[in-house]
Amino acid sequence: MKKEGWVTESRTNILRITHWGVAEAKKVAANGPDSKRQAEREARRLLSETREFIVLIEEYLADPSDEHLDGVSTKFSNISKALEALKKA
C-alpha cells in the first residue's frame, strides 16, 4: 500500500492513511458485496447448476453409461457446494 501512496509511515508501528487511501477505502466499501446481492448471486449459480444437472440426467436416461453417470455425480456435488455457498451468503 505504501507503493500506491495510500499509507505513509510516520513513526515505528504507526501508519497514516493518505487522502488517496481514504478515497480507495470508501470506493471499496461502496462497491463491496452486500449480503442480498451475494445471496442472489449464489442462488443464480445454484439455479444454473440445477438446470445443467437436469440435462445430464436426461442424457443418462437416453444412454445409461458410466461416463454419463460420472457426469451426474460430479454435477450433484457441484449443486451441493452451491447450496452450501448460498447458506453462507
N, C-alpha and C. Protein backbone atom coordinates (compact mmCIF):
# COMPACT_ATOMS: atom_id res chain seq x y z
N MET A 1 0.82 -1.20 0.00
CA MET A 1 0.00 0.00 0.00
C MET A 1 0.86 1.26 0.00
N LYS A 2 2.06 1.12 0.53
CA LYS A 2 2.94 2.29 0.50
C LYS A 2 3.34 2.64 -0.92
N LYS A 3 3.51 1.62 -1.79
CA LYS A 3 3.88 1.88 -3.17
C LYS A 3 2.82 2.68 -3.90
N GLU A 4 1.54 2.39 -3.60
CA GLU A 4 0.45 3.09 -4.26
C GLU A 4 0.22 4.47 -3.65
N GLY A 5 0.85 4.77 -2.53
CA GLY A 5 0.69 6.07 -1.91
C GLY A 5 -0.54 6.18 -1.02
N TRP A 6 -1.07 5.04 -0.58
CA TRP A 6 -2.27 5.06 0.24
C TRP A 6 -1.96 5.23 1.72
N VAL A 7 -0.77 4.83 2.12
CA VAL A 7 -0.38 4.99 3.52
C VAL A 7 1.04 5.54 3.57
N THR A 8 1.35 6.20 4.66
CA THR A 8 2.71 6.67 4.92
C THR A 8 3.09 6.21 6.31
N GLU A 9 4.35 5.99 6.51
CA GLU A 9 4.83 5.57 7.82
C GLU A 9 5.48 6.78 8.47
N SER A 10 4.87 7.26 9.54
CA SER A 10 5.41 8.44 10.18
C SER A 10 6.34 8.06 11.34
N ARG A 11 5.96 7.05 12.08
CA ARG A 11 6.78 6.56 13.19
C ARG A 11 6.74 5.03 13.17
N THR A 12 7.56 4.44 13.96
CA THR A 12 7.58 2.98 14.05
C THR A 12 6.21 2.47 14.49
N ASN A 13 5.69 1.50 13.75
CA ASN A 13 4.40 0.86 14.04
C ASN A 13 3.21 1.79 13.94
N ILE A 14 3.36 2.93 13.31
CA ILE A 14 2.25 3.85 13.12
C ILE A 14 2.15 4.18 11.63
N LEU A 15 1.00 3.96 11.08
CA LEU A 15 0.76 4.25 9.68
C LEU A 15 -0.29 5.34 9.58
N ARG A 16 -0.12 6.21 8.63
CA ARG A 16 -1.11 7.25 8.36
C ARG A 16 -1.71 6.99 6.99
N ILE A 17 -3.02 7.07 6.89
CA ILE A 17 -3.70 6.86 5.62
C ILE A 17 -3.78 8.19 4.90
N THR A 18 -3.32 8.19 3.65
CA THR A 18 -3.38 9.42 2.86
C THR A 18 -4.80 9.62 2.33
N HIS A 19 -5.04 10.76 1.73
CA HIS A 19 -6.38 11.03 1.19
C HIS A 19 -6.69 10.06 0.05
N TRP A 20 -5.65 9.58 -0.65
CA TRP A 20 -5.90 8.57 -1.69
C TRP A 20 -6.35 7.25 -1.06
N GLY A 21 -5.74 6.91 0.06
CA GLY A 21 -6.11 5.69 0.76
C GLY A 21 -7.53 5.75 1.29
N VAL A 22 -7.91 6.91 1.81
CA VAL A 22 -9.28 7.10 2.30
C VAL A 22 -10.27 6.99 1.16
N ALA A 23 -9.95 7.61 0.03
CA ALA A 23 -10.85 7.55 -1.13
C ALA A 23 -10.98 6.12 -1.63
N GLU A 24 -9.89 5.39 -1.67
CA GLU A 24 -9.92 4.00 -2.12
C GLU A 24 -10.73 3.14 -1.16
N ALA A 25 -10.58 3.35 0.13
CA ALA A 25 -11.34 2.59 1.12
C ALA A 25 -12.83 2.87 0.99
N LYS A 26 -13.21 4.11 0.75
CA LYS A 26 -14.62 4.45 0.55
C LYS A 26 -15.17 3.79 -0.71
N LYS A 27 -14.35 3.78 -1.77
CA LYS A 27 -14.78 3.18 -3.03
C LYS A 27 -15.01 1.67 -2.86
N VAL A 28 -14.10 1.02 -2.18
CA VAL A 28 -14.22 -0.41 -1.94
C VAL A 28 -15.43 -0.70 -1.06
N ALA A 29 -15.65 0.10 -0.05
CA ALA A 29 -16.79 -0.12 0.84
C ALA A 29 -18.11 0.09 0.12
N ALA A 30 -18.15 1.05 -0.80
CA ALA A 30 -19.39 1.32 -1.52
C ALA A 30 -19.70 0.22 -2.53
N ASN A 31 -18.67 -0.36 -3.13
CA ASN A 31 -18.87 -1.38 -4.14
C ASN A 31 -18.79 -2.79 -3.59
N GLY A 32 -18.58 -2.93 -2.31
CA GLY A 32 -18.47 -4.26 -1.71
C GLY A 32 -19.78 -5.02 -1.80
N PRO A 33 -19.68 -6.33 -1.84
CA PRO A 33 -20.91 -7.12 -1.97
C PRO A 33 -21.73 -7.09 -0.68
N ASP A 34 -22.97 -6.72 -0.80
CA ASP A 34 -23.84 -6.80 0.36
C ASP A 34 -24.44 -8.20 0.39
N SER A 35 -25.00 -8.56 1.51
CA SER A 35 -25.47 -9.93 1.69
C SER A 35 -26.61 -10.29 0.73
N LYS A 36 -27.45 -9.32 0.40
CA LYS A 36 -28.56 -9.60 -0.51
C LYS A 36 -28.05 -9.91 -1.91
N ARG A 37 -27.09 -9.12 -2.38
CA ARG A 37 -26.52 -9.36 -3.71
C ARG A 37 -25.76 -10.67 -3.75
N GLN A 38 -25.04 -10.95 -2.68
CA GLN A 38 -24.28 -12.20 -2.62
C GLN A 38 -25.23 -13.40 -2.61
N ALA A 39 -26.32 -13.32 -1.86
CA ALA A 39 -27.29 -14.40 -1.83
C ALA A 39 -27.95 -14.59 -3.19
N GLU A 40 -28.25 -13.50 -3.87
CA GLU A 40 -28.84 -13.58 -5.20
C GLU A 40 -27.87 -14.22 -6.19
N ARG A 41 -26.61 -13.85 -6.10
CA ARG A 41 -25.59 -14.42 -6.99
C ARG A 41 -25.47 -15.93 -6.76
N GLU A 42 -25.45 -16.34 -5.50
CA GLU A 42 -25.32 -17.76 -5.18
C GLU A 42 -26.58 -18.52 -5.59
N ALA A 43 -27.75 -17.90 -5.45
CA ALA A 43 -28.99 -18.55 -5.87
C ALA A 43 -29.02 -18.74 -7.39
N ARG A 44 -28.54 -17.76 -8.12
CA ARG A 44 -28.47 -17.90 -9.58
C ARG A 44 -27.48 -19.00 -9.98
N ARG A 45 -26.39 -19.10 -9.26
CA ARG A 45 -25.43 -20.17 -9.52
C ARG A 45 -26.07 -21.53 -9.25
N LEU A 46 -26.80 -21.65 -8.16
CA LEU A 46 -27.48 -22.90 -7.84
C LEU A 46 -28.50 -23.25 -8.91
N LEU A 47 -29.24 -22.27 -9.39
CA LEU A 47 -30.23 -22.49 -10.45
C LEU A 47 -29.54 -22.99 -11.72
N SER A 48 -28.45 -22.38 -12.07
CA SER A 48 -27.70 -22.78 -13.26
C SER A 48 -27.18 -24.22 -13.13
N GLU A 49 -26.62 -24.53 -11.98
CA GLU A 49 -26.11 -25.88 -11.74
C GLU A 49 -27.24 -26.90 -11.80
N THR A 50 -28.40 -26.55 -11.27
CA THR A 50 -29.54 -27.46 -11.27
C THR A 50 -30.04 -27.71 -12.69
N ARG A 51 -30.08 -26.68 -13.51
CA ARG A 51 -30.51 -26.85 -14.90
C ARG A 51 -29.54 -27.78 -15.65
N GLU A 52 -28.26 -27.59 -15.43
CA GLU A 52 -27.27 -28.46 -16.06
C GLU A 52 -27.41 -29.89 -15.55
N PHE A 53 -27.75 -30.04 -14.29
CA PHE A 53 -27.97 -31.36 -13.69
C PHE A 53 -29.12 -32.09 -14.39
N ILE A 54 -30.18 -31.37 -14.67
CA ILE A 54 -31.33 -31.96 -15.36
C ILE A 54 -30.93 -32.45 -16.75
N VAL A 55 -30.14 -31.65 -17.45
CA VAL A 55 -29.68 -32.04 -18.78
C VAL A 55 -28.84 -33.31 -18.70
N LEU A 56 -27.96 -33.39 -17.70
CA LEU A 56 -27.12 -34.57 -17.55
C LEU A 56 -27.95 -35.82 -17.22
N ILE A 57 -29.00 -35.64 -16.43
CA ILE A 57 -29.87 -36.79 -16.12
C ILE A 57 -30.59 -37.25 -17.38
N GLU A 58 -31.06 -36.30 -18.18
CA GLU A 58 -31.72 -36.67 -19.44
C GLU A 58 -30.76 -37.40 -20.38
N GLU A 59 -29.50 -36.95 -20.42
CA GLU A 59 -28.51 -37.64 -21.23
C GLU A 59 -28.26 -39.05 -20.71
N TYR A 60 -28.25 -39.21 -19.40
CA TYR A 60 -28.06 -40.53 -18.81
C TYR A 60 -29.24 -41.44 -19.14
N LEU A 61 -30.45 -40.89 -19.10
CA LEU A 61 -31.62 -41.69 -19.43
C LEU A 61 -31.61 -42.14 -20.89
N ALA A 62 -31.11 -41.29 -21.77
CA ALA A 62 -31.03 -41.64 -23.19
C ALA A 62 -29.95 -42.69 -23.45
N ASP A 63 -28.84 -42.61 -22.71
CA ASP A 63 -27.74 -43.56 -22.90
C ASP A 63 -27.11 -43.86 -21.53
N PRO A 64 -27.66 -44.85 -20.81
CA PRO A 64 -27.12 -45.18 -19.48
C PRO A 64 -25.70 -45.76 -19.59
N SER A 65 -24.73 -44.96 -19.27
CA SER A 65 -23.34 -45.40 -19.28
C SER A 65 -22.63 -44.86 -18.06
N ASP A 66 -21.49 -45.44 -17.77
CA ASP A 66 -20.71 -44.98 -16.60
C ASP A 66 -20.21 -43.55 -16.80
N GLU A 67 -19.92 -43.18 -18.03
CA GLU A 67 -19.45 -41.83 -18.32
C GLU A 67 -20.52 -40.79 -17.97
N HIS A 68 -21.75 -41.06 -18.38
CA HIS A 68 -22.84 -40.14 -18.07
C HIS A 68 -23.14 -40.14 -16.57
N LEU A 69 -23.03 -41.30 -15.94
CA LEU A 69 -23.29 -41.37 -14.50
C LEU A 69 -22.24 -40.58 -13.72
N ASP A 70 -21.00 -40.63 -14.17
CA ASP A 70 -19.95 -39.83 -13.52
C ASP A 70 -20.24 -38.34 -13.65
N GLY A 71 -20.74 -37.93 -14.81
CA GLY A 71 -21.11 -36.52 -15.01
C GLY A 71 -22.23 -36.10 -14.08
N VAL A 72 -23.21 -36.99 -13.90
CA VAL A 72 -24.33 -36.71 -12.98
C VAL A 72 -23.80 -36.58 -11.56
N SER A 73 -22.91 -37.48 -11.18
CA SER A 73 -22.35 -37.45 -9.83
C SER A 73 -21.55 -36.18 -9.58
N THR A 74 -20.75 -35.79 -10.54
CA THR A 74 -19.95 -34.56 -10.41
C THR A 74 -20.84 -33.33 -10.29
N LYS A 75 -21.87 -33.28 -11.12
CA LYS A 75 -22.77 -32.13 -11.09
C LYS A 75 -23.53 -32.09 -9.76
N PHE A 76 -23.88 -33.26 -9.23
CA PHE A 76 -24.58 -33.30 -7.95
C PHE A 76 -23.70 -32.73 -6.83
N SER A 77 -22.41 -33.04 -6.86
CA SER A 77 -21.52 -32.47 -5.84
C SER A 77 -21.38 -30.95 -6.04
N ASN A 78 -21.41 -30.49 -7.29
CA ASN A 78 -21.37 -29.04 -7.55
C ASN A 78 -22.62 -28.36 -7.00
N ILE A 79 -23.76 -29.02 -7.13
CA ILE A 79 -25.01 -28.48 -6.59
C ILE A 79 -24.92 -28.40 -5.07
N SER A 80 -24.36 -29.41 -4.46
CA SER A 80 -24.20 -29.41 -3.01
C SER A 80 -23.32 -28.25 -2.55
N LYS A 81 -22.23 -28.02 -3.27
CA LYS A 81 -21.33 -26.91 -2.93
C LYS A 81 -22.04 -25.56 -3.13
N ALA A 82 -22.82 -25.45 -4.19
CA ALA A 82 -23.54 -24.19 -4.45
C ALA A 82 -24.58 -23.94 -3.36
N LEU A 83 -25.21 -25.00 -2.88
CA LEU A 83 -26.20 -24.86 -1.81
C LEU A 83 -25.52 -24.40 -0.51
N GLU A 84 -24.36 -24.96 -0.21
CA GLU A 84 -23.62 -24.54 0.98
C GLU A 84 -23.20 -23.08 0.88
N ALA A 85 -22.79 -22.66 -0.31
CA ALA A 85 -22.39 -21.25 -0.51
C ALA A 85 -23.61 -20.34 -0.33
N LEU A 86 -24.77 -20.79 -0.76
CA LEU A 86 -25.99 -20.00 -0.59
C LEU A 86 -26.35 -19.89 0.88
N LYS A 87 -26.17 -20.95 1.62
CA LYS A 87 -26.47 -20.91 3.06
C LYS A 87 -25.55 -19.94 3.78
N LYS A 88 -24.30 -19.83 3.33
CA LYS A 88 -23.33 -18.92 3.98
C LYS A 88 -23.56 -17.47 3.59
N ALA A 89 -24.22 -17.24 2.46
CA ALA A 89 -24.42 -15.87 1.97
C ALA A 89 -25.42 -15.10 2.78
